[in-house]
Protein backbone atom coordinates (compact mmCIF):
# COMPACT_ATOMS: atom_id res chain seq x y z
CA MET A 1 64.54 83.36 95.65
CA THR A 2 67.68 81.31 96.18
CA SER A 3 70.47 82.83 98.24
CA ILE A 4 74.04 81.62 97.95
CA PHE A 5 76.48 82.64 100.67
CA PHE A 6 79.93 82.31 99.13
CA VAL A 7 82.58 82.00 101.86
CA ARG A 8 86.16 82.49 100.79
CA HIS A 9 88.41 80.53 103.18
CA ALA A 10 90.15 82.04 106.20
CA GLN A 11 93.93 82.54 106.40
CA PRO A 12 95.82 79.40 105.28
CA ASP A 13 99.18 78.19 106.55
CA GLU A 14 101.43 79.16 103.63
CA LYS A 15 104.31 77.06 105.00
CA TRP A 16 102.27 73.95 104.17
CA THR A 17 103.38 72.65 100.78
CA ASP A 18 100.41 70.49 99.70
CA ASP A 19 97.73 72.88 98.46
CA ARG A 20 94.83 70.44 98.88
CA SER A 21 95.55 69.63 102.55
CA LYS A 22 96.77 73.11 103.54
CA PRO A 23 95.29 73.92 106.97
CA LEU A 24 94.21 77.24 108.43
CA THR A 25 96.54 79.19 110.69
CA GLY A 26 95.58 79.76 114.32
CA ILE A 27 94.21 83.17 113.27
CA GLY A 28 92.34 81.48 110.42
CA LEU A 29 90.72 79.05 112.85
CA GLN A 30 89.65 81.96 115.07
CA ASP A 31 88.29 83.81 112.05
CA SER A 32 86.23 80.76 111.06
CA LYS A 33 84.19 81.47 114.21
CA ARG A 34 83.47 84.92 112.77
CA VAL A 35 82.01 83.19 109.71
CA THR A 36 79.67 81.27 112.05
CA GLU A 37 78.70 84.55 113.76
CA ALA A 38 78.10 86.33 110.44
CA LEU A 39 75.72 83.56 109.32
CA GLU A 40 74.09 82.73 112.66
CA ASN A 41 70.84 84.61 111.95
CA GLU A 42 70.49 83.24 108.42
CA ARG A 43 68.37 80.25 107.57
CA ILE A 44 70.80 77.81 105.94
CA ASP A 45 69.49 74.74 104.14
CA LEU A 46 72.70 73.22 102.71
CA PHE A 47 76.47 73.49 102.81
CA TYR A 48 78.66 72.86 99.76
CA CYS A 49 82.39 73.34 99.57
CA SER A 50 85.63 72.93 97.72
CA PRO A 51 87.31 69.69 98.84
CA TYR A 52 90.34 71.66 100.06
CA LYS A 53 90.91 71.49 103.83
CA ARG A 54 91.14 75.26 104.39
CA SER A 55 87.75 75.82 102.76
CA ILE A 56 86.05 73.01 104.65
CA ASP A 57 87.55 74.13 107.96
CA THR A 58 86.34 77.70 107.39
CA ILE A 59 82.65 76.66 107.24
CA LYS A 60 82.75 73.48 109.35
CA ASP A 61 81.98 75.21 112.66
CA CYS A 62 78.92 76.87 111.11
CA ALA A 63 77.68 73.54 109.72
CA ASP A 64 78.45 71.68 112.96
CA LYS A 65 76.44 74.16 115.04
CA ARG A 66 73.45 73.33 112.82
CA ASN A 67 74.16 69.57 112.81
CA MET A 68 74.52 69.73 109.04
CA ARG A 69 76.87 67.98 106.64
CA VAL A 70 79.29 69.80 104.31
CA HIS A 71 78.98 68.37 100.78
CA THR A 72 82.17 68.70 98.76
CA ASP A 73 82.28 69.33 95.03
CA GLU A 74 85.57 69.05 93.17
CA ARG A 75 84.46 71.75 90.71
CA PHE A 76 84.78 74.39 93.47
CA ARG A 77 88.50 73.57 94.00
CA GLU A 78 91.32 76.09 93.83
CA ARG A 79 92.89 77.08 90.51
CA LYS A 80 95.88 74.91 89.68
CA ARG A 81 98.96 77.12 89.89
CA GLY A 82 101.85 76.53 87.58
CA ILE A 83 105.38 77.84 87.26
CA ASN A 84 105.81 81.60 87.88
CA ALA A 85 102.04 82.05 88.36
CA ASP A 86 102.16 85.58 89.82
CA ALA A 87 103.85 86.96 86.68
CA PHE A 88 100.71 86.01 84.73
CA LEU A 89 98.16 87.57 87.09
CA GLU A 90 97.07 90.52 84.95
CA LYS A 91 97.49 88.62 81.68
CA ARG A 92 95.10 85.92 82.96
CA TRP A 93 92.44 88.55 83.71
CA GLU A 94 92.92 90.25 80.32
CA ASP A 95 92.52 86.94 78.48
CA PHE A 96 90.83 84.06 80.35
CA SER A 97 92.54 81.49 78.07
CA VAL A 98 96.06 82.51 79.24
CA CYS A 99 97.88 80.51 81.89
CA GLU A 100 101.38 79.86 83.06
CA GLU A 101 103.17 76.59 82.33
CA GLY A 102 101.45 73.81 84.27
CA GLY A 103 98.67 76.14 85.43
CA GLU A 104 94.94 76.37 84.86
CA CYS A 105 93.38 79.23 82.91
CA LEU A 106 90.56 81.34 84.34
CA ALA A 107 88.18 80.15 81.60
CA SER A 108 88.49 76.61 82.94
CA VAL A 109 88.04 77.73 86.56
CA GLN A 110 84.98 79.80 85.64
CA GLN A 111 83.41 77.06 83.52
CA ARG A 112 83.59 74.39 86.23
CA ASN A 113 82.41 76.78 88.95
CA ILE A 114 79.44 78.07 86.95
CA GLU A 115 78.54 74.49 85.99
CA ALA A 116 78.49 73.49 89.68
CA LEU A 117 76.62 76.63 90.75
CA THR A 118 73.99 76.25 88.01
CA GLU A 119 73.44 72.64 89.02
CA ILE A 120 72.94 73.71 92.65
CA LEU A 121 70.52 76.50 91.65
CA ARG A 122 68.44 74.06 89.59
CA LYS A 123 68.50 71.33 92.21
CA HIS A 124 67.72 73.54 95.24
CA PRO A 125 65.41 76.42 94.26
CA ASP A 126 64.34 78.80 97.03
CA LYS A 127 66.97 77.52 99.45
CA ASN A 128 69.74 79.30 101.34
CA ILE A 129 73.07 77.64 100.60
CA VAL A 130 76.60 78.21 101.88
CA ILE A 131 79.41 77.46 99.42
CA GLY A 132 82.98 77.36 100.75
CA THR A 133 85.38 78.51 98.05
CA HIS A 134 88.63 80.26 97.08
CA GLY A 135 89.54 83.78 95.95
CA THR A 136 90.14 82.98 92.28
CA ALA A 137 87.13 80.68 91.97
CA LEU A 138 84.84 83.24 93.60
CA SER A 139 86.26 86.05 91.47
CA THR A 140 85.54 84.15 88.25
CA ILE A 141 81.95 83.60 89.43
CA LEU A 142 81.53 87.31 90.18
CA HIS A 143 83.05 88.10 86.77
CA TYR A 144 80.57 85.78 85.05
CA TYR A 145 77.63 87.78 86.41
CA ASP A 146 79.39 91.16 86.23
CA PRO A 147 82.09 91.35 83.51
CA GLY A 148 83.25 94.61 85.12
CA PHE A 149 84.57 92.53 88.02
CA GLY A 150 88.07 91.82 86.78
CA CYS A 151 91.64 91.94 87.96
CA GLU A 152 91.06 94.97 90.21
CA GLY A 153 88.08 93.26 91.86
CA PHE A 154 90.18 90.15 92.40
CA LYS A 155 92.99 92.23 93.91
CA ASP A 156 90.44 93.96 96.17
CA ILE A 157 89.48 90.67 97.83
CA TRP A 158 92.90 88.98 97.52
CA PHE A 159 93.79 89.46 101.18
CA CYS A 160 90.24 89.13 102.52
CA MET A 161 90.28 85.86 104.42
CA PRO A 162 87.57 85.04 105.26
CA TYR A 163 85.23 86.89 102.96
CA ILE A 164 81.47 86.37 102.60
CA ILE A 165 79.28 87.64 99.79
CA ARG A 166 75.61 86.79 99.38
CA LEU A 167 74.27 86.37 95.85
CA ASP A 168 70.47 86.25 95.44
CA PHE A 169 69.01 84.48 92.41
CA ASP A 170 65.61 84.44 90.77
CA GLY A 171 65.96 81.06 89.10
CA GLU A 172 69.41 81.31 87.51
CA ARG A 173 69.35 85.11 87.17
CA LEU A 174 71.40 87.11 89.68
CA VAL A 175 69.21 89.83 91.18
CA ASN A 176 71.25 91.10 94.13
CA ARG A 177 74.64 90.86 95.77
CA THR A 178 75.54 91.86 99.31
CA GLU A 179 78.95 91.77 100.95
CA MET A 180 78.55 90.38 104.47
CA LEU A 181 82.04 89.92 105.93
CA ARG A 182 85.49 91.17 104.93
CA ILE A 183 88.47 90.42 107.12
CA LYS A 184 91.81 91.63 105.72
CA ARG A 185 94.64 89.23 106.41
CA GLY A 186 98.01 88.81 104.77
CA TYR A 187 99.45 85.51 103.66
């Protein structure tokens, strides 16, 4: 059994303009300690993460307390937002090939995330792995395994920062999912 602990980042500083280097707010930094607490009794073998600062900083304390390295994987990055992205929210979930001008469609986000996850599952069977991620990326992963998880599921976790869900796999087959931490925060 392989367990993946997906950790959606804590509250980011929305005044920061560069998405990749966007830091956590003071509250977000405090909430990252709650991630450490939520995972403290779990055996963790590896840490993977989006290369975005807010995702790394959300799981860094947990990895540091275990003297472990956080491995980044570009495929777990945030969805590229284009012009007028929010107007396309429901359309994107109705049709994964739809995206706003300059944006990235959900099919692309899902494909790269599932590719990375599958590689990790094959490379590290029977391990417990933390993956630091983003709301859209995580939602497309959940949708892949449960097509009933759509726009409403995404909206349900939209303001959960941080958010932890454990997915248990037998090989590459999802056998269980357990929500572990849900902290509602606004942007």
